[in-house]
C-alpha atoms as a PDB file:
ATOM      1  CA  UNK A   1      36.773 -89.225 -54.486  1.00  0.00           C
ATOM      2  CA  UNK A   2      40.228 -87.986 -55.217  1.00  0.00           C
ATOM      3  CA  UNK A   3      40.896 -84.951 -57.127  1.00  0.00           C
ATOM      4  CA  UNK A   4      44.095 -83.000 -57.628  1.00  0.00           C
ATOM      5  CA  UNK A   5      43.567 -79.119 -57.207  1.00  0.00           C
ATOM      6  CA  UNK A   6      46.526 -76.756 -57.397  1.00  0.00           C
ATOM      7  CA  UNK A   7      49.061 -79.379 -56.740  1.00  0.00           C
ATOM      8  CA  UNK A   8      47.277 -80.894 -53.726  1.00  0.00           C
ATOM      9  CA  UNK A   9      45.539 -84.278 -53.511  1.00  0.00           C
ATOM     10  CA  UNK A  10      41.930 -83.985 -52.161  1.00  0.00           C
ATOM     11  CA  UNK A  11      40.767 -87.730 -50.968  1.00  0.00           C
ATOM     12  CA  UNK A  12      37.366 -88.020 -49.329  1.00  0.00           C
ATOM     13  CA  UNK A  13      38.524 -91.251 -47.820  1.00  0.00           C
ATOM     14  CA  UNK A  14      41.373 -89.935 -46.222  1.00  0.00           C
ATOM     15  CA  UNK A  15      39.687 -86.764 -44.954  1.00  0.00           C
ATOM     16  CA  UNK A  16      37.625 -85.875 -41.981  1.00  0.00           C
ATOM     17  CA  UNK A  17      33.977 -85.224 -42.464  1.00  0.00           C
ATOM     18  CA  UNK A  18      32.860 -81.762 -40.677  1.00  0.00           C
ATOM     19  CA  UNK A  19      29.377 -81.892 -41.576  1.00  0.00           C
ATOM     20  CA  UNK A  20      26.912 -82.762 -44.371  1.00  0.00           C
ATOM     21  CA  UNK A  21      23.578 -81.326 -45.990  1.00  0.00           C
ATOM     22  CA  UNK A  22      21.244 -83.619 -47.519  1.00  0.00           C
ATOM     23  CA  UNK A  23      18.512 -82.238 -49.929  1.00  0.00           C
ATOM     24  CA  UNK A  24      16.120 -84.279 -52.217  1.00  0.00           C
ATOM     25  CA  UNK A  25      18.523 -85.335 -54.897  1.00  0.00           C
ATOM     26  CA  UNK A  26      21.975 -83.250 -53.679  1.00  0.00           C
ATOM     27  CA  UNK A  27      24.308 -84.172 -50.795  1.00  0.00           C
ATOM     28  CA  UNK A  28      27.126 -81.961 -49.806  1.00  0.00           C
ATOM     29  CA  UNK A  29      29.689 -82.795 -47.325  1.00  0.00           C
ATOM     30  CA  UNK A  30      32.449 -80.453 -46.150  1.00  0.00           C
ATOM     31  CA  UNK A  31      35.725 -82.278 -45.254  1.00  0.00           C
ATOM     32  CA  UNK A  32      39.044 -81.339 -43.914  1.00  0.00           C
ATOM     33  CA  UNK A  33      42.570 -83.066 -44.438  1.00  0.00           C
ATOM     34  CA  UNK A  34      44.894 -84.119 -42.200  1.00  0.00           C
ATOM     35  CA  UNK A  35      46.960 -80.903 -43.255  1.00  0.00           C
ATOM     36  CA  UNK A  36      43.744 -78.742 -42.441  1.00  0.00           C
ATOM     37  CA  UNK A  37      42.731 -77.868 -46.017  1.00  0.00           C
ATOM     38  CA  UNK A  38      39.022 -77.849 -46.376  1.00  0.00           C
ATOM     39  CA  UNK A  39      36.891 -79.134 -49.355  1.00  0.00           C
ATOM     40  CA  UNK A  40      33.409 -79.922 -50.371  1.00  0.00           C
ATOM     41  CA  UNK A  41      32.156 -83.063 -52.271  1.00  0.00           C
ATOM     42  CA  UNK A  42      28.968 -82.482 -53.934  1.00  0.00           C
ATOM     43  CA  UNK A  43      26.936 -85.481 -55.317  1.00  0.00           C
ATOM     44  CA  UNK A  44      23.859 -84.533 -57.676  1.00  0.00           C
ATOM     45  CA  UNK A  45      22.918 -87.689 -59.238  1.00  0.00           C
ATOM     46  CA  UNK A  46      24.526 -89.033 -61.338  1.00  0.00           C
ATOM     47  CA  UNK A  47      27.085 -85.911 -61.157  1.00  0.00           C
ATOM     48  CA  UNK A  48      30.257 -85.427 -58.461  1.00  0.00           C
ATOM     49  CA  UNK A  49      31.834 -82.466 -57.762  1.00  0.00           C
ATOM     50  CA  UNK A  50      34.758 -81.665 -55.243  1.00  0.00           C
ATOM     51  CA  UNK A  51      35.953 -78.114 -54.801  1.00  0.00           C
ATOM     52  CA  UNK A  52      38.495 -76.765 -52.141  1.00  0.00           C
ATOM     53  CA  UNK A  53      37.261 -74.257 -49.945  1.00  0.00           C
ATOM     54  CA  UNK A  54      38.964 -71.623 -47.817  1.00  0.00           C
ATOM     55  CA  UNK A  55      38.502 -71.335 -44.174  1.00  0.00           C
ATOM     56  CA  UNK A  56      36.096 -68.331 -44.654  1.00  0.00           C
ATOM     57  CA  UNK A  57      34.146 -70.013 -47.063  1.00  0.00           C
ATOM     58  CA  UNK A  58      33.509 -73.050 -44.517  1.00  0.00           C
ATOM     59  CA  UNK A  59      32.512 -70.800 -42.024  1.00  0.00           C
ATOM     60  CA  UNK A  60      29.863 -69.038 -43.974  1.00  0.00           C
ATOM     61  CA  UNK A  61      28.771 -72.542 -45.146  1.00  0.00           C
ATOM     62  CA  UNK A  62      28.591 -73.963 -41.554  1.00  0.00           C
ATOM     63  CA  UNK A  63      26.788 -70.671 -40.374  1.00  0.00           C
ATOM     64  CA  UNK A  64      24.011 -71.694 -42.957  1.00  0.00           C
ATOM     65  CA  UNK A  65      23.505 -75.421 -42.335  1.00  0.00           C
ATOM     66  CA  UNK A  66      25.237 -76.470 -38.975  1.00  0.00           C
ATOM     67  CA  UNK A  67      25.188 -74.104 -36.101  1.00  0.00           C
ATOM     68  CA  UNK A  68      26.526 -76.792 -33.749  1.00  0.00           C
ATOM     69  CA  UNK A  69      29.936 -77.460 -36.037  1.00  0.00           C
ATOM     70  CA  UNK A  70      30.264 -73.306 -36.294  1.00  0.00           C
ATOM     71  CA  UNK A  71      30.611 -72.983 -33.007  1.00  0.00           C
ATOM     72  CA  UNK A  72      32.840 -75.647 -32.139  1.00  0.00           C
ATOM     73  CA  UNK A  73      35.129 -74.878 -34.938  1.00  0.00           C
ATOM     74  CA  UNK A  74      35.330 -71.236 -35.258  1.00  0.00           C
ATOM     75  CA  UNK A  75      33.930 -69.836 -31.808  1.00  0.00           C
ATOM     76  CA  UNK A  76      37.487 -68.156 -31.866  1.00  0.00           C
ATOM     77  CA  UNK A  77      36.591 -66.012 -34.812  1.00  0.00           C
ATOM     78  CA  UNK A  78      32.987 -64.936 -33.833  1.00  0.00           C
ATOM     79  CA  UNK A  79      32.092 -62.348 -31.191  1.00  0.00           C
ATOM     80  CA  UNK A  80      28.872 -61.779 -28.964  1.00  0.00           C
ATOM     81  CA  UNK A  81      26.434 -59.334 -30.534  1.00  0.00           C
END
């Protein structure tokens, strides 16, 4: 899926998959573009949507859904308790 948001082309076929969550009827995939921009692709049959995400939004989403990827990508932003 491709979408233009604020003058930038977001393309699921060219971006790197960072993480994916699958529910009963819904799939959410987080991507990172070659230029380091993040976006999420939501598929909720039969609807698809694509939304840009800030780095902080990705960090919050990953912290809830993918701890390993959170530590891999954002350990420099986290501190020990």
